[in-house]
Amino acid sequence: MSPKINSKFIFVTGGVCSSLGKGISSASIGSLLKSGGLSVFTMKLDPYLNVDPGTMSPFQHGEVFVTDDGAETDLDLGHYERFIDAPLSRLSTLTTGKIYTEVLERERRGDYLGKTIQIIPHITNAIKNKMYQASRETKADVVLVEIGGTVGDIEGLPYLEAIRQMRHELGKENTVFVHVTLLPYLKASKELKTKPTQSSVRELRSIGIQPDFILARADHKIEDELLKKISLFCDVPYENVVPAETLDSIYEVPLKFKEKSLAENIAKQFNILNFRDQVDDWMNLRDKTLKIENDVKIAIVGKYSGLIDAYYSVIESLKIAGIHAGVNVKIVWIDVHELEKESAKEIDKLKSCDGILVPGGFGERGAEAKIMAAKYARENDIPYLGICLGMQLMCVEFVRNIKGDNQYTSQEFDEIGEIDKSKYVIHFMPGQHVGKDKGGTLRLGGYDCNLTLGSLTHKLYGENLIRERHRHRYEFNNDFRPLLEANGYLVSGVYEEDDLVEIVENTNHKFMVGCQFHPEFLSRPHRPHPLFLGLINASK
């Protein structure tokens, strides 16, 4: 019996290998559908057993993207929010760990009335129910679902079985299968090969799923004859085999999909008449990019230097701000371990930059290098943006180097509040949500922030009340606020309900701003975040 669901569903799967760009592809499709007047809600289904990526190493999983309601999620949700420009929620993220936890809790309560709990139907039903729940609560015209991993992964089979059943329940006019797959290039024969794609589709078909669309990923131009070959061998209409070639910018992807009428053909299968997607915003962004002539070098001083996925939203926020400021942002990665050793190479790299960004992070490793970067920025009037830990260490540096009667000794610091066991001379009060467990115990999600009238940040935002997203465990200790403000620092943003410091700025500096929240989560291609735009404009 078909459930009473009004949404259409798009399921995006990946084949051959990971990191093909399913997230960018899904986000681009969602953007085009939204531009045509449809409401779109996106979901990411991750087959791993972790409850969420919140406790996973950035080396394992990249950045953790936080939604406004405080869900710690996969970085692909950042793509969705940036491209589709619609807020997501806890409904947008699902992992095997969450599903098994909920099913086992229900079993312990006796909800299954003594039945044997199995992958089919109990796990698959739970997966389907999450997607149906998202449809009912969001009332979206289209629910776009990306399945993590690769077809053939053993842990992904319950998800593929669930979406196979949804096609059976809802029909082809309400479900679309999009398969993203690789065309590898062989240097010896100087050609792209379609066999891996054929094998991936065969794997998909063996479990009962016939893709409606194939996105062929390649680093080289895909000739028309290859698209026809894929169409024939994979039993997919020629017009539904879409080349997804590597581009100079991910923000060109919607334009390329538009050229192939991808969203229009999806709408046609959904029996949505007179659908026309609009790409004016994306064309304007491309035009701005083509006009850029000058570069700006921004140093990122983080302990995961060079690991792009760990700072994905930060990097994209810098690039977006650069486009709107009319400059090309060149990122210079500073190795914090070498900088702490006062490596001449790293110091020279830092000095070569026009601006400095110290991103969020956890733990003491690399903290002294970040403090060195803040000191260099302060003493040399170099634009600086400190995010989360980058704000806290900016304050540490400032207090350490205050001159005159207001300077505190280490003993006096220890007497303010609890004794700080670390080597730092400033203490940060624990966040509100600290518990025994590591997962989900930070201050997470959106909080309001009142800005100080006339401050730099107030001028950048152009409004008095803002809402930003958080992910941190420690708060700034207000006992030190008078000391900072007596020596040239301004607390220009506060969460008034608990009197928590959210933004500080150095009033004796061209641009030296620290924020406790993560502004990168709210940056959009067509609407750069004020703090990133402020940093780039100050660095020009």
Protein backbone atom coordinates (compact mmCIF):
# COMPACT_ATOMS: atom_id res chain seq x y z
CA MET A 1 0.00 0.00 0.00
CA SER A 2 1.43 3.36 -1.05
CA PRO A 3 1.99 5.84 1.81
CA LYS A 4 0.22 9.21 1.65
CA ILE A 5 3.18 11.32 0.58
CA ASN A 6 2.99 14.40 -1.62
CA SER A 7 6.73 14.80 -2.21
CA LYS A 8 8.69 13.52 -5.18
CA PHE A 9 11.96 11.74 -4.31
CA ILE A 10 15.34 11.86 -6.04
CA PHE A 11 17.89 9.25 -4.94
CA VAL A 12 21.56 9.90 -5.79
CA THR A 13 23.96 6.95 -5.64
CA GLY A 14 27.65 6.63 -6.48
CA GLY A 15 29.60 3.99 -8.30
CA VAL A 16 33.18 2.84 -8.95
CA CYS A 17 34.84 4.94 -6.24
CA SER A 18 34.19 7.56 -3.58
CA SER A 19 34.82 11.32 -3.80
CA LEU A 20 33.24 11.58 -7.24
CA GLY A 21 31.21 14.64 -6.33
CA LYS A 22 27.80 13.23 -5.44
CA GLY A 23 27.34 16.08 -2.98
CA ILE A 24 28.07 18.80 -5.55
CA SER A 25 25.91 17.00 -8.12
CA SER A 26 23.01 16.65 -5.68
CA ALA A 27 23.31 20.28 -4.58
CA SER A 28 23.38 21.48 -8.19
CA ILE A 29 20.27 19.48 -9.09
CA GLY A 30 18.51 20.85 -6.02
CA SER A 31 19.52 24.40 -6.93
CA LEU A 32 18.08 24.06 -10.44
CA LEU A 33 14.84 22.54 -9.18
CA LYS A 34 14.45 25.35 -6.63
CA SER A 35 15.12 27.99 -9.29
CA GLY A 36 12.20 26.51 -11.24
CA GLY A 37 9.83 27.20 -8.36
CA LEU A 38 9.92 23.86 -6.51
CA SER A 39 10.58 23.61 -2.77
CA VAL A 40 13.49 21.24 -2.14
CA PHE A 41 14.64 19.45 1.01
CA THR A 42 17.87 17.45 1.01
CA MET A 43 19.03 14.47 3.02
CA LYS A 44 22.33 12.61 3.37
CA LEU A 45 22.20 8.92 4.35
CA ASP A 46 25.57 7.72 5.64
CA PRO A 47 26.13 3.98 6.06
CA TYR A 48 28.78 4.23 8.81
CA LEU A 49 28.00 3.06 12.36
CA ASN A 50 28.90 6.33 14.07
CA VAL A 51 25.81 8.11 15.35
CA ASP A 52 27.09 11.30 13.67
CA PRO A 53 30.48 12.63 12.50
CA GLY A 54 30.86 14.83 15.59
CA THR A 55 33.48 12.62 17.23
CA MET A 56 35.28 11.63 14.03
CA SER A 57 38.73 12.93 13.13
CA PRO A 58 38.83 15.50 10.32
CA PHE A 59 41.39 13.21 8.67
CA GLN A 60 38.66 10.56 8.55
CA HIS A 61 35.68 12.66 7.64
CA GLY A 62 36.60 16.26 6.90
CA GLU A 63 34.73 19.13 8.54
CA VAL A 64 31.59 18.73 10.61
CA PHE A 65 28.81 20.92 9.23
CA VAL A 66 26.35 22.15 11.87
CA THR A 67 22.69 22.91 11.15
CA ASP A 68 20.73 25.64 12.89
CA ASP A 69 19.02 23.13 15.20
CA GLY A 70 22.40 21.78 16.33
CA ALA A 71 22.87 18.61 14.28
CA GLU A 72 26.49 17.64 13.58
CA THR A 73 26.47 16.43 10.00
CA ASP A 74 28.42 15.46 6.92
CA LEU A 75 30.17 18.22 4.96
CA ASP A 76 27.92 17.49 1.97
CA LEU A 77 25.13 19.29 3.82
CA GLY A 78 27.28 22.39 3.49
CA HIS A 79 27.09 21.98 -0.30
CA TYR A 80 23.33 21.63 -0.09
CA GLU A 81 22.84 24.76 1.99
CA ARG A 82 25.25 26.84 -0.10
CA PHE A 83 23.80 25.81 -3.46
CA ILE A 84 20.12 25.58 -2.59
CA ASP A 85 20.18 28.39 -0.01
CA ALA A 86 17.66 26.67 2.22
CA PRO A 87 18.24 25.78 5.90
CA LEU A 88 18.53 22.11 6.76
CA SER A 89 17.87 20.32 10.05
CA ARG A 90 18.32 17.08 11.96
CA LEU A 91 15.94 15.51 9.46
CA SER A 92 18.63 16.02 6.82
CA THR A 93 21.11 13.59 8.30
CA LEU A 94 20.84 9.86 8.93
CA THR A 95 23.46 7.25 9.79
CA THR A 96 23.39 3.53 10.35
CA GLY A 97 24.40 4.27 13.94
CA LYS A 98 21.25 6.35 14.46
CA ILE A 99 19.01 3.77 12.80
CA TYR A 100 20.36 0.82 14.79
CA THR A 101 20.24 2.80 18.04
CA GLU A 102 16.58 3.69 17.52
CA VAL A 103 15.56 0.19 16.39
CA LEU A 104 17.34 -1.47 19.33
CA GLU A 105 15.79 0.97 21.80
CA ARG A 106 12.37 0.10 20.43
CA GLU A 107 13.18 -3.59 20.73
CA ARG A 108 14.17 -3.13 24.40
CA ARG A 109 10.87 -1.35 25.07
CA GLY A 110 8.96 -4.23 23.54
CA ASP A 111 7.59 -2.21 20.63
CA TYR A 112 8.08 -5.13 18.25
CA LEU A 113 5.98 -7.48 20.42
CA GLY A 114 8.61 -10.18 20.63
CA LYS A 115 9.34 -10.43 16.90
CA THR A 116 12.78 -11.30 15.56
CA ILE A 117 14.47 -8.04 14.53
CA GLN A 118 15.97 -8.22 11.02
CA ILE A 119 17.59 -5.98 8.45
CA ILE A 120 14.51 -6.48 6.29
CA PRO A 121 11.95 -5.28 7.19
CA HIS A 122 12.86 -3.52 10.45
CA ILE A 123 16.01 -1.61 9.47
CA THR A 124 14.81 -0.85 5.95
CA ASN A 125 11.43 0.29 7.29
CA ALA A 126 13.17 2.60 9.76
CA ILE A 127 15.21 4.11 6.91
CA LYS A 128 12.11 4.63 4.77
CA ASN A 129 10.19 6.13 7.69
CA LYS A 130 12.91 8.78 8.13
CA MET A 131 12.53 9.84 4.51
CA TYR A 132 8.74 9.84 4.72
CA GLN A 133 8.96 11.83 7.95
CA ALA A 134 11.11 14.46 6.19
CA SER A 135 8.50 14.67 3.45
CA ARG A 136 5.61 15.13 5.87
CA GLU A 137 7.31 17.66 8.15
CA THR A 138 8.91 19.83 5.46
CA LYS A 139 6.08 19.50 2.91
CA ALA A 140 8.76 19.85 0.23
CA ASP A 141 7.85 19.34 -3.41
CA VAL A 142 11.05 17.34 -3.84
CA VAL A 143 13.09 15.43 -1.24
CA LEU A 144 16.58 14.89 -2.63
CA VAL A 145 18.41 12.01 -0.95
CA GLU A 146 22.12 11.25 -1.35
CA ILE A 147 23.26 7.74 -0.37
CA GLY A 148 26.79 7.84 1.04
CA GLY A 149 29.47 5.42 -0.03
CA THR A 150 29.60 3.38 -3.23
CA VAL A 151 27.30 0.79 -4.76
CA GLY A 152 28.64 -2.60 -3.70
CA ASP A 153 29.66 -1.52 -0.18
CA ILE A 154 28.19 -4.09 2.21
CA GLU A 155 27.13 -1.45 4.74
CA GLY A 156 25.16 0.45 2.09
CA LEU A 157 22.92 -2.44 1.05
CA PRO A 158 20.05 -1.66 3.50
CA TYR A 159 19.80 1.85 2.09
CA LEU A 160 19.68 0.64 -1.50
CA GLU A 161 17.04 -1.90 -0.55
CA ALA A 162 15.03 0.84 1.15
CA ILE A 163 15.02 3.10 -1.91
CA ARG A 164 14.23 0.12 -4.15
CA GLN A 165 11.14 -0.49 -2.03
CA MET A 166 10.19 3.19 -2.25
CA ARG A 167 10.17 2.98 -6.05
CA HIS A 168 7.83 0.00 -5.68
CA GLU A 169 5.60 1.93 -3.26
CA LEU A 170 5.53 5.33 -4.95
CA GLY A 171 6.00 4.54 -8.64
CA LYS A 172 8.37 5.87 -11.30
CA GLU A 173 6.48 9.16 -11.62
CA ASN A 174 7.35 9.95 -7.97
CA THR A 175 10.90 8.59 -7.75
CA VAL A 176 14.06 9.23 -9.75
CA PHE A 177 17.34 7.30 -9.49
CA VAL A 178 20.48 9.28 -10.38
CA HIS A 179 23.75 7.34 -10.52
CA VAL A 180 27.09 9.20 -10.43
CA THR A 181 29.88 7.09 -11.84
CA LEU A 182 33.47 7.37 -13.06
CA LEU A 183 34.95 7.26 -16.55
CA PRO A 184 38.67 6.66 -15.86
CA TYR A 185 41.25 7.94 -18.33
CA LEU A 186 43.97 5.54 -19.42
CA LYS A 187 47.16 7.31 -20.46
CA ALA A 188 48.46 4.32 -22.42
CA SER A 189 45.50 4.25 -24.78
CA LYS A 190 44.67 7.96 -24.32
CA GLU A 191 40.96 7.32 -23.86
CA LEU A 192 38.17 7.27 -21.33
CA LYS A 193 36.82 3.83 -20.47
CA THR A 194 33.14 3.02 -19.88
CA LYS A 195 33.58 -0.50 -18.46
CA PRO A 196 33.67 0.62 -14.78
CA THR A 197 30.41 2.50 -15.35
CA GLN A 198 28.83 -0.55 -16.97
CA SER A 199 29.97 -2.71 -14.06
CA SER A 200 28.62 -0.25 -11.49
CA VAL A 201 25.22 -0.09 -13.20
CA ARG A 202 25.18 -3.89 -13.43
CA GLU A 203 25.78 -4.02 -9.66
CA LEU A 204 22.93 -1.58 -9.11
CA ARG A 205 20.58 -3.53 -11.36
CA SER A 206 21.44 -6.78 -9.59
CA ILE A 207 19.70 -5.46 -6.47
CA GLY A 208 16.68 -4.24 -8.40
CA ILE A 209 17.52 -0.60 -9.17
CA GLN A 210 17.64 0.66 -12.75
CA PRO A 211 19.08 4.19 -12.87
CA ASP A 212 16.99 6.80 -14.68
CA PHE A 213 19.92 9.18 -15.09
CA ILE A 214 23.68 8.66 -15.22
CA LEU A 215 26.13 11.45 -14.40
CA ALA A 216 29.43 10.48 -16.03
CA ARG A 217 32.36 11.96 -14.08
CA ALA A 218 35.62 12.49 -15.91
CA ASP A 219 38.68 14.73 -15.84
CA HIS A 220 38.64 14.92 -19.64
CA LYS A 221 36.09 15.89 -22.26
CA ILE A 222 33.55 13.11 -22.86
CA GLU A 223 32.83 12.55 -26.54
CA ASP A 224 29.27 12.06 -27.67
CA GLU A 225 29.95 8.50 -28.84
CA LEU A 226 30.81 7.49 -25.28
CA LEU A 227 27.54 8.92 -23.98
CA LYS A 228 25.68 6.89 -26.61
CA LYS A 229 27.62 3.78 -25.62
CA ILE A 230 26.71 4.25 -21.94
CA SER A 231 23.10 4.79 -22.94
CA LEU A 232 22.99 1.56 -24.92
CA PHE A 233 24.88 -0.68 -22.49
CA CYS A 234 23.24 0.69 -19.33
CA ASP A 235 19.70 0.96 -20.78
CA VAL A 236 19.34 4.66 -19.99
CA PRO A 237 17.88 7.16 -22.49
CA TYR A 238 20.62 9.08 -24.29
CA GLU A 239 19.32 12.46 -23.10
CA ASN A 240 19.57 11.20 -19.52
CA VAL A 241 23.28 10.38 -19.76
CA VAL A 242 24.86 13.65 -18.61
CA PRO A 243 28.58 14.45 -18.84
CA ALA A 244 29.93 15.72 -15.52
CA GLU A 245 33.40 16.84 -16.45
CA THR A 246 35.78 18.42 -13.96
CA LEU A 247 35.42 22.21 -14.08
CA ASP A 248 37.48 25.17 -12.89
CA SER A 249 34.87 25.95 -10.22
CA ILE A 250 32.17 23.88 -8.55
CA TYR A 251 29.84 26.85 -9.06
CA GLU A 252 29.85 26.16 -12.81
CA VAL A 253 28.20 22.77 -12.30
CA PRO A 254 24.60 24.08 -12.28
CA LEU A 255 25.29 25.88 -15.57
CA LYS A 256 26.61 22.69 -17.18
CA PHE A 257 23.63 20.68 -15.94
CA LYS A 258 21.35 23.39 -17.31
CA GLU A 259 22.95 22.99 -20.75
CA LYS A 260 21.95 19.31 -20.71
CA SER A 261 18.40 20.04 -19.41
CA LEU A 262 19.01 17.74 -16.45
CA ALA A 263 16.50 19.34 -14.07
CA GLU A 264 13.94 19.73 -16.86
CA ASN A 265 14.20 16.04 -17.74
CA ILE A 266 13.82 15.08 -14.07
CA ALA A 267 10.72 17.28 -13.87
CA LYS A 268 9.40 15.58 -17.00
CA GLN A 269 9.64 12.15 -15.33
CA PHE A 270 7.78 13.64 -12.35
CA ASN A 271 5.02 14.83 -14.71
CA ILE A 272 5.71 18.42 -13.64
CA LEU A 273 4.56 20.45 -16.64
CA ASN A 274 6.01 23.73 -17.90
CA PHE A 275 9.06 23.48 -15.64
CA ARG A 276 11.83 25.97 -16.49
CA ASP A 277 14.90 26.37 -14.32
CA GLN A 278 16.63 29.72 -14.00
CA VAL A 279 20.40 30.22 -13.82
CA ASP A 280 20.72 34.01 -13.86
CA ASP A 281 22.37 34.06 -10.42
CA TRP A 282 24.91 31.44 -11.46
CA MET A 283 25.66 33.31 -14.69
CA ASN A 284 26.18 36.54 -12.74
CA LEU A 285 28.58 34.72 -10.42
CA ARG A 286 30.49 33.35 -13.41
CA ASP A 287 30.65 36.81 -14.99
CA LYS A 288 32.11 38.24 -11.78
CA THR A 289 34.70 35.46 -11.75
CA LEU A 290 35.76 36.18 -15.32
CA LYS A 291 36.39 39.85 -14.47
CA ILE A 292 38.84 39.11 -11.66
CA GLU A 293 42.40 40.26 -12.31
CA ASN A 294 44.13 40.60 -8.93
CA ASP A 295 45.08 38.08 -6.24
CA VAL A 296 44.86 38.24 -2.46
CA LYS A 297 46.88 35.82 -0.36
CA ILE A 298 45.21 34.57 2.83
CA ALA A 299 47.08 32.44 5.35
CA ILE A 300 45.12 29.66 7.03
CA VAL A 301 46.83 28.76 10.29
CA GLY A 302 45.30 25.45 11.37
CA LYS A 303 46.59 22.13 12.56
CA TYR A 304 45.11 20.26 9.59
CA SER A 305 47.12 22.32 7.11
CA GLY A 306 46.58 21.23 3.55
CA LEU A 307 43.63 18.98 4.36
CA ILE A 308 41.00 20.77 2.31
CA ASP A 309 38.02 18.77 3.59
CA ALA A 310 38.79 19.74 7.20
CA TYR A 311 38.15 23.42 6.37
CA TYR A 312 35.86 23.04 3.37
CA SER A 313 33.28 25.67 4.35
CA VAL A 314 36.02 28.10 5.38
CA ILE A 315 37.75 27.72 2.02
CA GLU A 316 34.53 28.15 0.05
CA SER A 317 33.59 31.17 2.16
CA LEU A 318 36.92 32.81 1.34
CA LYS A 319 36.55 32.06 -2.37
CA ILE A 320 32.98 33.37 -2.44
CA ALA A 321 33.98 36.57 -0.63
CA GLY A 322 36.86 36.97 -3.06
CA ILE A 323 34.57 36.73 -6.09
CA HIS A 324 32.24 39.39 -4.70
CA ALA A 325 35.20 41.59 -3.70
CA GLY A 326 36.66 41.25 -7.20
CA VAL A 327 39.80 39.32 -6.28
CA ASN A 328 41.10 35.78 -6.58
CA VAL A 329 41.81 34.34 -3.14
CA LYS A 330 45.01 32.32 -3.00
CA ILE A 331 45.21 30.25 0.17
CA VAL A 332 48.57 29.77 1.84
CA TRP A 333 48.66 26.86 4.29
CA ILE A 334 50.79 27.47 7.38
CA ASP A 335 52.19 24.38 9.10
CA VAL A 336 51.58 25.08 12.79
CA HIS A 337 54.16 22.57 13.96
CA GLU A 338 56.89 24.19 11.88
CA LEU A 339 55.75 27.69 12.87
CA GLU A 340 56.01 26.77 16.56
CA LYS A 341 59.64 25.81 15.86
CA GLU A 342 60.03 29.31 14.37
CA SER A 343 60.81 27.82 10.97
CA ALA A 344 62.10 30.58 8.69
CA LYS A 345 60.17 29.06 5.79
CA GLU A 346 56.83 29.19 7.60
CA ILE A 347 57.49 32.67 8.97
CA ASP A 348 58.29 33.91 5.47
CA LYS A 349 55.10 32.31 4.15
CA LEU A 350 53.08 34.05 6.85
CA LYS A 351 54.73 37.39 6.10
CA SER A 352 53.96 37.03 2.40
CA CYS A 353 50.21 37.02 3.02
CA ASP A 354 47.79 39.92 2.84
CA GLY A 355 45.48 38.52 5.54
CA ILE A 356 45.38 35.79 8.18
CA LEU A 357 42.59 33.41 9.19
CA VAL A 358 42.80 31.14 12.22
CA PRO A 359 39.96 28.60 12.06
CA GLY A 360 38.25 26.62 14.78
CA GLY A 361 39.79 23.58 16.40
CA PHE A 362 40.15 21.55 19.57
CA GLY A 363 43.05 20.84 21.90
CA GLU A 364 46.41 22.44 22.62
CA ARG A 365 48.31 21.04 19.64
CA GLY A 366 49.38 23.91 17.40
CA ALA A 367 47.87 26.55 19.69
CA GLU A 368 51.15 28.41 20.25
CA ALA A 369 51.60 28.79 16.49
CA LYS A 370 48.12 30.30 16.22
CA ILE A 371 48.99 32.70 19.02
CA MET A 372 52.15 33.65 17.11
CA ALA A 373 50.03 34.35 14.02
CA ALA A 374 47.66 36.55 16.04
CA LYS A 375 50.59 38.47 17.49
CA TYR A 376 52.12 39.02 14.06
CA ALA A 377 48.77 40.27 12.73
CA ARG A 378 48.25 42.63 15.69
CA GLU A 379 51.74 44.11 15.64
CA ASN A 380 51.85 44.57 11.85
CA ASP A 381 48.26 45.70 11.22
CA ILE A 382 47.57 42.62 9.06
CA PRO A 383 43.84 41.81 8.64
CA TYR A 384 42.94 38.90 10.90
CA LEU A 385 39.82 36.78 11.35
CA GLY A 386 39.75 34.34 14.25
CA ILE A 387 37.00 31.74 14.29
CA CYS A 388 36.03 29.90 17.50
CA LEU A 389 39.41 28.80 18.93
CA GLY A 390 40.94 31.43 16.64
CA MET A 391 39.01 34.08 18.61
CA GLN A 392 39.97 32.64 21.98
CA LEU A 393 43.67 32.49 21.14
CA MET A 394 43.51 36.00 19.72
CA CYS A 395 42.35 37.08 23.20
CA VAL A 396 45.07 34.99 24.88
CA GLU A 397 47.72 36.71 22.78
CA PHE A 398 46.36 40.15 23.56
CA VAL A 399 46.19 39.62 27.33
CA ARG A 400 49.66 38.07 27.42
CA ASN A 401 51.10 41.19 25.85
CA ILE A 402 49.19 43.97 27.60
CA LYS A 403 51.68 46.53 28.87
CA GLY A 404 51.50 48.76 31.90
CA ASP A 405 49.55 48.72 35.16
CA ASN A 406 46.84 46.37 33.95
CA GLN A 407 49.16 43.47 33.23
CA TYR A 408 48.26 40.36 35.22
CA THR A 409 50.72 37.86 36.61
CA SER A 410 50.18 34.14 36.14
CA GLN A 411 49.22 33.84 39.82
CA GLU A 412 46.59 36.55 39.50
CA PHE A 413 45.12 34.78 36.47
CA ASP A 414 44.81 31.59 38.49
CA GLU A 415 42.87 33.43 41.17
CA ILE A 416 40.13 34.49 38.74
CA GLY A 417 37.55 31.72 38.66
CA GLU A 418 38.81 28.17 38.61
CA ILE A 419 42.51 27.55 38.23
CA ASP A 420 43.39 26.98 34.60
CA LYS A 421 45.34 23.71 34.40
CA SER A 422 46.69 24.54 30.92
CA LYS A 423 49.73 26.66 30.19
CA TYR A 424 47.65 29.57 28.96
CA VAL A 425 47.30 32.74 30.99
CA ILE A 426 43.60 33.14 30.31
CA HIS A 427 40.85 30.81 31.41
CA PHE A 428 37.75 29.88 29.44
CA MET A 429 34.61 28.78 31.22
CA PRO A 430 33.16 25.42 30.14
CA GLY A 431 30.23 25.53 27.74
CA GLN A 432 26.73 24.76 28.95
CA HIS A 433 26.40 21.35 27.37
CA VAL A 434 29.42 19.53 28.78
CA GLY A 435 28.73 15.91 29.72
CA LYS A 436 30.57 12.63 30.13
CA ASP A 437 30.07 11.67 26.50
CA LYS A 438 32.06 13.39 23.76
CA GLY A 439 29.35 13.36 21.10
CA GLY A 440 26.74 16.12 20.97
CA THR A 441 27.96 17.76 24.21
CA LEU A 442 29.17 21.06 22.75
CA ARG A 443 27.29 24.31 22.36
CA LEU A 444 25.73 23.50 19.01
CA GLY A 445 23.47 25.24 16.53
CA GLY A 446 22.06 28.71 16.05
CA TYR A 447 22.15 31.41 18.73
CA ASP A 448 21.15 35.05 18.55
CA CYS A 449 23.82 37.69 18.88
CA ASN A 450 23.27 41.36 19.71
CA LEU A 451 25.78 43.68 18.06
CA THR A 452 27.22 46.87 19.55
CA LEU A 453 25.99 49.89 17.61
CA GLY A 454 28.74 51.63 15.70
CA SER A 455 31.17 48.72 15.95
CA LEU A 456 33.01 47.38 12.91
CA THR A 457 30.99 44.18 12.93
CA HIS A 458 27.75 46.13 13.22
CA LYS A 459 28.76 48.10 10.11
CA LEU A 460 29.65 44.88 8.27
CA TYR A 461 26.37 43.15 9.07
CA GLY A 462 24.22 46.23 8.72
CA GLU A 463 21.83 45.05 11.44
CA ASN A 464 21.61 44.92 15.23
CA LEU A 465 20.54 41.31 15.80
CA ILE A 466 22.12 38.37 13.99
CA ARG A 467 21.91 34.59 14.34
CA GLU A 468 24.99 32.42 13.90
CA ARG A 469 25.89 28.76 14.37
CA HIS A 470 28.15 27.36 17.06
CA ARG A 471 30.26 24.29 17.72
CA HIS A 472 32.51 24.66 20.75
CA ARG A 473 32.96 23.46 24.31
CA TYR A 474 34.44 26.49 26.07
CA GLU A 475 33.28 30.08 26.49
CA PHE A 476 35.25 33.26 27.02
CA ASN A 477 35.66 34.03 30.73
CA ASN A 478 33.88 37.33 31.40
CA ASP A 479 36.22 38.07 34.31
CA PHE A 480 38.73 39.20 31.69
CA ARG A 481 36.32 41.38 29.74
CA PRO A 482 37.11 44.64 31.66
CA LEU A 483 40.83 44.04 31.13
CA LEU A 484 40.38 43.62 27.39
CA GLU A 485 38.05 46.56 26.99
CA ALA A 486 40.32 48.84 29.03
CA ASN A 487 43.13 48.22 26.59
CA GLY A 488 41.57 48.62 23.16
CA TYR A 489 39.44 45.53 22.64
CA LEU A 490 35.70 45.81 22.11
CA VAL A 491 33.20 43.05 22.81
CA SER A 492 30.94 43.86 19.88
CA GLY A 493 28.66 40.81 19.95
CA VAL A 494 26.94 39.12 22.91
CA TYR A 495 24.44 36.32 23.41
CA GLU A 496 22.47 38.28 25.97
CA GLU A 497 20.48 35.42 27.53
CA ASP A 498 23.60 33.98 29.19
CA ASP A 499 25.88 37.02 28.72
CA LEU A 500 28.25 35.06 26.49
CA VAL A 501 30.90 36.84 24.43
CA GLU A 502 30.36 36.15 20.72
CA ILE A 503 32.48 38.75 18.88
CA VAL A 504 35.56 40.74 19.85
CA GLU A 505 37.44 43.28 17.78
CA ASN A 506 40.64 45.24 18.16
CA THR A 507 39.66 48.91 17.84
CA ASN A 508 43.29 49.95 17.21
CA HIS A 509 43.61 47.71 14.18
CA LYS A 510 42.51 47.90 10.55
CA PHE A 511 40.62 44.59 10.78
CA MET A 512 41.19 42.23 13.68
CA VAL A 513 37.99 40.39 14.51
CA GLY A 514 37.31 37.20 16.42
CA CYS A 515 34.00 35.37 16.59
CA GLN A 516 33.01 32.49 18.86
CA PHE A 517 30.64 31.08 16.22
CA HIS A 518 31.35 29.58 12.79
CA PRO A 519 30.42 32.15 10.13
CA GLU A 520 31.46 29.77 7.33
CA PHE A 521 28.24 27.80 7.82
CA LEU A 522 26.13 30.73 6.61
CA SER A 523 28.16 31.86 3.60
CA ARG A 524 26.34 31.50 0.25
CA PRO A 525 27.63 31.79 -3.34
CA HIS A 526 25.29 34.67 -4.12
CA ARG A 527 25.51 36.20 -0.62
CA PRO A 528 28.98 36.21 0.96
CA HIS A 529 29.23 36.28 4.74
CA PRO A 530 29.93 39.78 6.11
CA LEU A 531 32.96 38.73 8.19
CA PHE A 532 34.67 36.93 5.31
CA LEU A 533 33.88 39.80 2.96
CA GLY A 534 35.25 42.21 5.55
CA LEU A 535 38.48 40.23 5.82
CA ILE A 536 38.99 40.10 2.05
CA ASN A 537 38.17 43.79 1.52
CA ALA A 538 40.59 44.73 4.30
CA SER A 539 43.26 42.47 2.76
CA LYS A 540 42.97 43.87 -0.79
